[in-house]
Amino acid sequence: MQIYKMMLTYFCNYKIYKIQKLCLSMESISFFESVYEVVKLIPKGRATSYGAIAKYLGTAKSSRMVGWALNQSHFLTEKIPAHRVVNRNGMLTGKAHFANPEQMKILLENEGLIIKNDTIQNFKNVFWDPSIELDV
């Protein structure tokens, strides 16, 4: 295990404590899986925010980590509807992480959402709050 940590430190140019706090710790892997489970529950034609997912999972200050999890979801064999997660203002901030920068917009429009200037129109009306919808 020590060699593994040394190699990660060398190749990633991070200190060990930073690696453990980022996406390589066992807690983060579990967190990523939790994010995927919530995102799979977002209905077609609805969207939520990184922060709403983080809050639902009990880690309100970890919206960026939700974004990192969704960025990694593109490498999974199981399809995760990451296009349904946007920033708190309804902006398509994750679009750069799709194969085509327009893909996120296209997927959302195919589900009936209206996108203008990379922002979901009437976001409050299509917002899916997992804390409410999943009856916590």
C-alpha atoms as a PDB file:
ATOM      1  CA  MET A   1       0.000   0.000   0.000  1.00  0.00           C
ATOM      2  CA  GLN A   2       2.883   2.368   0.794  1.00  0.00           C
ATOM      3  CA  ILE A   3       4.351   1.877  -2.695  1.00  0.00           C
ATOM      4  CA  TYR A   4       0.936   2.582  -4.189  1.00  0.00           C
ATOM      5  CA  LYS A   5       0.698   5.885  -2.292  1.00  0.00           C
ATOM      6  CA  MET A   6       4.259   6.792  -3.285  1.00  0.00           C
ATOM      7  CA  MET A   7       3.491   6.131  -6.947  1.00  0.00           C
ATOM      8  CA  LEU A   8       0.302   8.192  -6.788  1.00  0.00           C
ATOM      9  CA  THR A   9       2.189  11.020  -5.132  1.00  0.00           C
ATOM     10  CA  TYR A  10       4.868  10.905  -7.800  1.00  0.00           C
ATOM     11  CA  PHE A  11       2.617  10.621 -10.856  1.00  0.00           C
ATOM     12  CA  CYS A  12      -0.142  12.944  -9.725  1.00  0.00           C
ATOM     13  CA  ASN A  13       2.212  15.494  -8.163  1.00  0.00           C
ATOM     14  CA  TYR A  14      -0.006  15.694  -5.096  1.00  0.00           C
ATOM     15  CA  LYS A  15       0.836  15.252  -1.478  1.00  0.00           C
ATOM     16  CA  ILE A  16      -0.609  12.097   0.036  1.00  0.00           C
ATOM     17  CA  TYR A  17      -3.150  13.938   2.168  1.00  0.00           C
ATOM     18  CA  LYS A  18      -4.524  15.713  -0.894  1.00  0.00           C
ATOM     19  CA  ILE A  19      -4.909  12.444  -2.758  1.00  0.00           C
ATOM     20  CA  GLN A  20      -6.803  10.970   0.141  1.00  0.00           C
ATOM     21  CA  LYS A  21      -9.140  13.965   0.252  1.00  0.00           C
ATOM     22  CA  LEU A  22      -9.841  13.832  -3.467  1.00  0.00           C
ATOM     23  CA  CYS A  23     -11.497  11.169  -5.541  1.00  0.00           C
ATOM     24  CA  LEU A  24      -9.118   8.313  -4.760  1.00  0.00           C
ATOM     25  CA  SER A  25     -10.181   7.584  -1.182  1.00  0.00           C
ATOM     26  CA  MET A  26     -12.615   4.812  -0.393  1.00  0.00           C
ATOM     27  CA  GLU A  27     -15.072   7.368   0.995  1.00  0.00           C
ATOM     28  CA  SER A  28     -15.051   9.238  -2.300  1.00  0.00           C
ATOM     29  CA  ILE A  29     -15.642   6.098  -4.304  1.00  0.00           C
ATOM     30  CA  SER A  30     -18.672   5.425  -2.136  1.00  0.00           C
ATOM     31  CA  PHE A  31     -19.701   9.067  -2.551  1.00  0.00           C
ATOM     32  CA  PHE A  32     -19.411   8.808  -6.341  1.00  0.00           C
ATOM     33  CA  GLU A  33     -21.643   5.738  -6.334  1.00  0.00           C
ATOM     34  CA  SER A  34     -24.177   7.590  -4.171  1.00  0.00           C
ATOM     35  CA  VAL A  35     -24.165  10.470  -6.656  1.00  0.00           C
ATOM     36  CA  TYR A  36     -24.813   8.056  -9.530  1.00  0.00           C
ATOM     37  CA  GLU A  37     -27.747   6.464  -7.687  1.00  0.00           C
ATOM     38  CA  VAL A  38     -29.390   9.870  -7.150  1.00  0.00           C
ATOM     39  CA  VAL A  39     -28.758  11.037 -10.720  1.00  0.00           C
ATOM     40  CA  LYS A  40     -30.337   7.862 -12.128  1.00  0.00           C
ATOM     41  CA  LEU A  41     -33.568   8.860 -10.342  1.00  0.00           C
ATOM     42  CA  ILE A  42     -33.914  12.251 -12.068  1.00  0.00           C
ATOM     43  CA  PRO A  43     -36.912  11.944 -14.404  1.00  0.00           C
ATOM     44  CA  LYS A  44     -36.655  12.799 -18.092  1.00  0.00           C
ATOM     45  CA  GLY A  45     -37.532  16.425 -18.713  1.00  0.00           C
ATOM     46  CA  ARG A  46     -36.331  17.505 -15.272  1.00  0.00           C
ATOM     47  CA  ALA A  47     -32.975  18.789 -14.002  1.00  0.00           C
ATOM     48  CA  THR A  48     -31.261  19.331 -10.695  1.00  0.00           C
ATOM     49  CA  SER A  49     -28.131  21.039  -9.445  1.00  0.00           C
ATOM     50  CA  TYR A  50     -24.801  19.789  -8.158  1.00  0.00           C
ATOM     51  CA  GLY A  51     -25.537  21.477  -4.848  1.00  0.00           C
ATOM     52  CA  ALA A  52     -28.982  19.878  -4.475  1.00  0.00           C
ATOM     53  CA  ILE A  53     -27.436  16.433  -4.866  1.00  0.00           C
ATOM     54  CA  ALA A  54     -24.663  17.260  -2.412  1.00  0.00           C
ATOM     55  CA  LYS A  55     -27.201  18.551   0.107  1.00  0.00           C
ATOM     56  CA  TYR A  56     -29.347  15.439  -0.284  1.00  0.00           C
ATOM     57  CA  LEU A  57     -26.308  13.251   0.361  1.00  0.00           C
ATOM     58  CA  GLY A  58     -25.577  15.172   3.561  1.00  0.00           C
ATOM     59  CA  THR A  59     -22.514  16.976   2.224  1.00  0.00           C
ATOM     60  CA  ALA A  60     -23.901  20.384   1.285  1.00  0.00           C
ATOM     61  CA  LYS A  61     -20.466  21.917   0.665  1.00  0.00           C
ATOM     62  CA  SER A  62     -19.354  19.265  -1.823  1.00  0.00           C
ATOM     63  CA  SER A  63     -21.086  20.319  -5.037  1.00  0.00           C
ATOM     64  CA  ARG A  64     -17.746  20.309  -6.880  1.00  0.00           C
ATOM     65  CA  MET A  65     -17.219  16.711  -5.837  1.00  0.00           C
ATOM     66  CA  VAL A  66     -20.622  15.901  -7.364  1.00  0.00           C
ATOM     67  CA  GLY A  67     -19.339  17.472 -10.578  1.00  0.00           C
ATOM     68  CA  TRP A  68     -16.164  15.382 -10.440  1.00  0.00           C
ATOM     69  CA  ALA A  69     -18.246  12.255  -9.947  1.00  0.00           C
ATOM     70  CA  LEU A  70     -20.362  13.097 -12.980  1.00  0.00           C
ATOM     71  CA  ASN A  71     -17.281  13.842 -15.043  1.00  0.00           C
ATOM     72  CA  GLN A  72     -16.039  10.335 -14.244  1.00  0.00           C
ATOM     73  CA  SER A  73     -19.424   8.801 -15.069  1.00  0.00           C
ATOM     74  CA  HIS A  74     -18.667   9.075 -18.780  1.00  0.00           C
ATOM     75  CA  PHE A  75     -16.161   6.235 -18.363  1.00  0.00           C
ATOM     76  CA  LEU A  76     -18.671   3.820 -16.830  1.00  0.00           C
ATOM     77  CA  THR A  77     -20.407   1.112 -18.824  1.00  0.00           C
ATOM     78  CA  GLU A  78     -23.715   2.001 -17.156  1.00  0.00           C
ATOM     79  CA  LYS A  79     -25.281   5.157 -18.548  1.00  0.00           C
ATOM     80  CA  ILE A  80     -25.673   7.928 -15.967  1.00  0.00           C
ATOM     81  CA  PRO A  81     -27.886  10.858 -17.133  1.00  0.00           C
ATOM     82  CA  ALA A  82     -25.279  13.450 -16.138  1.00  0.00           C
ATOM     83  CA  HIS A  83     -26.790  15.923 -18.610  1.00  0.00           C
ATOM     84  CA  ARG A  84     -29.663  16.465 -16.146  1.00  0.00           C
ATOM     85  CA  VAL A  85     -27.351  18.068 -13.573  1.00  0.00           C
ATOM     86  CA  VAL A  86     -26.501  21.755 -13.955  1.00  0.00           C
ATOM     87  CA  ASN A  87     -25.386  24.599 -11.722  1.00  0.00           C
ATOM     88  CA  ARG A  88     -27.744  26.323  -9.283  1.00  0.00           C
ATOM     89  CA  ASN A  89     -28.774  28.866 -11.930  1.00  0.00           C
ATOM     90  CA  GLY A  90     -29.619  26.256 -14.548  1.00  0.00           C
ATOM     91  CA  MET A  91     -26.461  26.844 -16.587  1.00  0.00           C
ATOM     92  CA  LEU A  92     -24.926  23.936 -18.488  1.00  0.00           C
ATOM     93  CA  THR A  93     -21.579  24.220 -16.747  1.00  0.00           C
ATOM     94  CA  GLY A  94     -20.744  20.544 -17.294  1.00  0.00           C
ATOM     95  CA  LYS A  95     -21.068  20.670 -21.080  1.00  0.00           C
ATOM     96  CA  ALA A  96     -17.305  20.721 -21.652  1.00  0.00           C
ATOM     97  CA  HIS A  97     -17.049  17.212 -20.199  1.00  0.00           C
ATOM     98  CA  PHE A  98     -19.206  15.629 -22.891  1.00  0.00           C
ATOM     99  CA  ALA A  99     -17.771  14.231 -26.123  1.00  0.00           C
ATOM    100  CA  ASN A 100     -19.290  17.170 -27.999  1.00  0.00           C
ATOM    101  CA  PRO A 101     -19.822  20.515 -26.198  1.00  0.00           C
ATOM    102  CA  GLU A 102     -23.359  20.684 -27.660  1.00  0.00           C
ATOM    103  CA  GLN A 103     -24.295  17.163 -26.553  1.00  0.00           C
ATOM    104  CA  MET A 104     -25.598  18.221 -23.124  1.00  0.00           C
ATOM    105  CA  LYS A 105     -27.856  20.831 -24.711  1.00  0.00           C
ATOM    106  CA  ILE A 106     -29.098  18.381 -27.341  1.00  0.00           C
ATOM    107  CA  LEU A 107     -29.918  15.710 -24.752  1.00  0.00           C
ATOM    108  CA  LEU A 108     -31.852  18.181 -22.599  1.00  0.00           C
ATOM    109  CA  GLU A 109     -33.737  19.610 -25.576  1.00  0.00           C
ATOM    110  CA  ASN A 110     -34.643  16.068 -26.662  1.00  0.00           C
ATOM    111  CA  GLU A 111     -36.283  15.689 -23.256  1.00  0.00           C
ATOM    112  CA  GLY A 112     -38.352  18.842 -23.793  1.00  0.00           C
ATOM    113  CA  LEU A 113     -36.291  21.424 -21.915  1.00  0.00           C
ATOM    114  CA  ILE A 114     -35.707  24.819 -23.515  1.00  0.00           C
ATOM    115  CA  ILE A 115     -32.084  25.980 -23.550  1.00  0.00           C
ATOM    116  CA  LYS A 116     -31.007  29.531 -24.384  1.00  0.00           C
ATOM    117  CA  ASN A 117     -27.476  30.831 -23.952  1.00  0.00           C
ATOM    118  CA  ASP A 118     -26.479  27.532 -22.303  1.00  0.00           C
ATOM    119  CA  THR A 119     -29.123  28.016 -19.592  1.00  0.00           C
ATOM    120  CA  ILE A 120     -32.292  26.027 -18.925  1.00  0.00           C
ATOM    121  CA  GLN A 121     -35.268  28.339 -19.317  1.00  0.00           C
ATOM    122  CA  ASN A 122     -37.863  28.212 -16.515  1.00  0.00           C
ATOM    123  CA  PHE A 123     -35.345  26.289 -14.421  1.00  0.00           C
ATOM    124  CA  LYS A 124     -37.438  26.690 -11.271  1.00  0.00           C
ATOM    125  CA  ASN A 125     -40.310  24.874 -12.994  1.00  0.00           C
ATOM    126  CA  VAL A 126     -38.230  21.867 -14.077  1.00  0.00           C
ATOM    127  CA  PHE A 127     -35.992  21.765 -11.021  1.00  0.00           C
ATOM    128  CA  TRP A 128     -35.985  18.351  -9.352  1.00  0.00           C
ATOM    129  CA  ASP A 129     -34.994  18.580  -5.692  1.00  0.00           C
ATOM    130  CA  PRO A 130     -33.955  15.171  -4.402  1.00  0.00           C
ATOM    131  CA  SER A 131     -34.527  16.282  -0.801  1.00  0.00           C
ATOM    132  CA  ILE A 132     -38.203  16.835  -1.618  1.00  0.00           C
ATOM    133  CA  GLU A 133     -38.795  14.320  -4.414  1.00  0.00           C
ATOM    134  CA  LEU A 134     -37.145  11.450  -2.581  1.00  0.00           C
ATOM    135  CA  ASP A 135     -39.021  12.337   0.622  1.00  0.00           C
ATOM    136  CA  VAL A 136     -36.138  12.583   3.061  1.00  0.00           C
END
